């Protein structure tokens, strides 16, 4: 089987987006990073959007994408549900950031953001575990994508924090 670069980019960018959102939410739980919260949220949304665009390059007939959303057990359906919930939490986070003015969000929202960041990464990874591909059918793949999110997100958040702390 050949490498499907659009799917690889999609998975990497969604995990990176979720990792960044989770990292900024952990900082919000600690009461840190007020100035970097909005830039991190924007970067997370951009990463998610670019990942969404990348996945369309995998499809020969992108207009048929909705045909795959008919079954709840389908990996693509589960990814869609996780991403829609992720976007809903992101919108709520944005609204609360704008309301606060000082870069803080309620603790309950930060906890929800951390949870959805982890769930989104795990669900996107889980859609690739299939019995027909024994090399992929492993919990290690899910852990690898979660690890990717837990590395790329905090590193990116730290870079944004450093950049916006000096301003």
Protein backbone atom coordinates (compact mmCIF):
# COMPACT_ATOMS: atom_id res chain seq x y z
CA UNK A 1 0.00 0.00 0.00
CA UNK A 2 1.36 3.38 -0.94
CA UNK A 3 1.67 6.29 1.44
CA UNK A 4 -1.35 8.58 1.43
CA UNK A 5 0.31 11.93 2.14
CA UNK A 6 -2.95 13.89 2.48
CA UNK A 7 -4.08 11.51 5.23
CA UNK A 8 -0.70 11.68 6.91
CA UNK A 9 -0.82 15.48 6.84
CA UNK A 10 -4.40 15.45 8.13
CA UNK A 11 -3.51 13.21 11.07
CA UNK A 12 -0.35 15.14 11.96
CA UNK A 13 -2.04 18.54 11.72
CA UNK A 14 -5.11 17.50 13.72
CA UNK A 15 -2.91 16.01 16.45
CA UNK A 16 -0.75 19.16 16.44
CA UNK A 17 -3.85 21.36 16.63
CA UNK A 18 -5.30 19.30 19.48
CA UNK A 19 -1.96 19.24 21.28
CA UNK A 20 -1.63 23.00 21.06
CA UNK A 21 -5.20 23.50 22.27
CA UNK A 22 -4.58 21.09 25.13
CA UNK A 23 -1.31 22.78 26.09
CA UNK A 24 -2.87 26.21 26.19
CA UNK A 25 -5.77 24.83 28.21
CA UNK A 26 -3.38 23.32 30.76
CA UNK A 27 -1.70 26.72 30.99
CA UNK A 28 -5.12 28.29 31.57
CA UNK A 29 -5.76 25.80 34.38
CA UNK A 30 -2.51 26.95 36.01
CA UNK A 31 -3.41 30.60 35.41
CA UNK A 32 -0.46 31.11 33.00
CA UNK A 33 0.03 32.48 29.53
CA UNK A 34 -2.60 35.18 29.25
CA UNK A 35 -0.97 37.00 26.33
CA UNK A 36 -0.34 33.81 24.35
CA UNK A 37 -3.83 32.36 24.74
CA UNK A 38 -5.44 34.04 21.70
CA UNK A 39 -2.46 33.52 19.33
CA UNK A 40 -2.34 29.86 20.40
CA UNK A 41 -6.05 29.46 19.76
CA UNK A 42 -5.71 31.05 16.32
CA UNK A 43 -2.74 28.79 15.50
CA UNK A 44 -4.69 25.74 16.64
CA UNK A 45 -7.64 26.65 14.41
CA UNK A 46 -5.32 27.29 11.46
CA UNK A 47 -3.66 23.88 11.93
CA UNK A 48 -7.07 22.21 12.06
CA UNK A 49 -8.26 24.05 8.94
CA UNK A 50 -5.13 23.17 6.95
CA UNK A 51 -5.55 19.54 8.05
CA UNK A 52 -9.15 19.65 6.86
CA UNK A 53 -8.05 21.00 3.50
CA UNK A 54 -5.33 18.35 3.21
CA UNK A 55 -7.80 15.50 3.61
CA UNK A 56 -9.71 16.64 0.51
CA UNK A 57 -6.65 15.92 -1.62
CA UNK A 58 -7.01 12.26 -0.65
CA UNK A 59 -10.46 12.03 -2.17
CA UNK A 60 -10.89 11.50 -5.88
CA UNK A 61 -14.51 12.60 -5.64
CA UNK A 62 -14.62 14.98 -2.68
CA UNK A 63 -18.30 15.68 -3.27
CA UNK A 64 -18.97 12.11 -2.11
CA UNK A 65 -17.42 12.67 1.32
CA UNK A 66 -20.83 12.65 2.98
CA UNK A 67 -21.44 9.08 1.79
CA UNK A 68 -18.94 7.93 4.41
CA UNK A 69 -20.81 9.50 7.31
CA UNK A 70 -23.70 7.03 7.36
CA UNK A 71 -22.49 4.69 10.12
CA UNK A 72 -21.47 5.62 13.66
CA UNK A 73 -18.93 2.81 13.70
CA UNK A 74 -17.15 4.26 10.68
CA UNK A 75 -13.78 5.86 11.48
CA UNK A 76 -14.52 8.88 9.30
CA UNK A 77 -17.83 9.45 11.10
CA UNK A 78 -16.14 9.26 14.49
CA UNK A 79 -13.45 11.70 13.31
CA UNK A 80 -16.13 14.11 12.10
CA UNK A 81 -18.00 13.95 15.42
CA UNK A 82 -14.80 14.49 17.42
CA UNK A 83 -13.75 17.42 15.22
CA UNK A 84 -17.19 19.05 15.42
CA UNK A 85 -17.11 18.81 19.23
CA UNK A 86 -13.51 20.10 19.16
CA UNK A 87 -14.62 23.11 17.09
CA UNK A 88 -17.58 23.75 19.43
CA UNK A 89 -15.27 23.79 22.46
CA UNK A 90 -12.83 26.00 20.54
CA UNK A 91 -15.62 28.50 19.79
CA UNK A 92 -16.67 28.52 23.45
CA UNK A 93 -13.02 29.03 24.44
CA UNK A 94 -12.74 31.94 21.98
CA UNK A 95 -15.91 33.56 23.35
CA UNK A 96 -14.67 33.25 26.94
CA UNK A 97 -11.24 34.62 26.02
CA UNK A 98 -12.87 37.65 24.37
CA UNK A 99 -15.15 38.18 27.37
CA UNK A 100 -12.37 37.99 29.94
CA UNK A 101 -10.00 40.47 28.35
CA UNK A 102 -7.10 39.15 30.43
CA UNK A 103 -6.55 35.81 28.69
CA UNK A 104 -8.34 33.64 31.24
CA UNK A 105 -11.11 31.11 30.79
CA UNK A 106 -13.23 29.31 33.38
CA UNK A 107 -11.59 26.20 34.84
CA UNK A 108 -14.44 23.96 33.66
CA UNK A 109 -13.88 25.08 30.07
CA UNK A 110 -10.13 24.50 30.31
CA UNK A 111 -10.80 20.96 31.59
CA UNK A 112 -13.26 20.34 28.72
CA UNK A 113 -10.64 21.62 26.27
CA UNK A 114 -7.96 19.27 27.59
CA UNK A 115 -10.35 16.32 27.42
CA UNK A 116 -11.54 17.06 23.87
CA UNK A 117 -7.95 17.60 22.73
CA UNK A 118 -7.01 14.12 23.96
CA UNK A 119 -10.18 12.53 22.62
CA UNK A 120 -9.80 14.12 19.17
CA UNK A 121 -6.23 12.86 18.82
CA UNK A 122 -7.18 9.37 19.98
CA UNK A 123 -10.24 9.15 17.72
CA UNK A 124 -8.29 10.29 14.66
CA UNK A 125 -5.61 7.70 15.39
CA UNK A 126 -8.18 4.98 16.13
CA UNK A 127 -9.72 5.32 12.69
CA UNK A 128 -6.52 3.85 11.21
CA UNK A 129 -6.48 0.75 13.42
CA UNK A 130 -8.08 -2.00 11.36
CA UNK A 131 -7.81 -5.76 11.43
CA UNK A 132 -7.19 -5.85 7.67
CA UNK A 133 -3.85 -4.10 8.31
CA UNK A 134 -2.25 -6.06 11.19
CA UNK A 135 0.73 -3.69 11.34
CA UNK A 136 -1.66 -0.81 12.04
CA UNK A 137 -4.03 -2.70 14.35
CA UNK A 138 -2.30 -1.75 17.56
CA UNK A 139 -2.89 0.53 20.50
CA UNK A 140 0.68 1.69 19.94
CA UNK A 141 -0.50 3.75 16.95
CA UNK A 142 -3.00 5.57 19.15
CA UNK A 143 -0.29 6.18 21.74
CA UNK A 144 2.05 7.42 19.00
CA UNK A 145 -0.46 10.02 17.79
CA UNK A 146 -1.22 11.07 21.38
CA UNK A 147 2.53 11.37 21.94
CA UNK A 148 2.82 13.51 18.83
CA UNK A 149 0.10 15.81 20.17
CA UNK A 150 1.80 15.92 23.57
CA UNK A 151 5.10 16.98 22.01
CA UNK A 152 4.14 19.30 19.15
CA UNK A 153 1.44 21.15 21.11
CA UNK A 154 3.45 22.12 24.20
CA UNK A 155 6.55 23.00 22.14
CA UNK A 156 4.47 25.27 19.91
CA UNK A 157 2.73 26.81 22.90
CA UNK A 158 6.08 27.49 24.57
CA UNK A 159 7.33 29.20 21.40
CA UNK A 160 4.18 31.34 21.27
CA UNK A 161 4.45 32.09 24.96
CA UNK A 162 8.03 33.20 24.53
CA UNK A 163 7.19 35.31 21.48
CA UNK A 164 4.21 37.06 23.07
CA UNK A 165 5.74 37.49 26.53
CA UNK A 166 8.41 39.80 25.13
CA UNK A 167 5.87 42.07 23.45
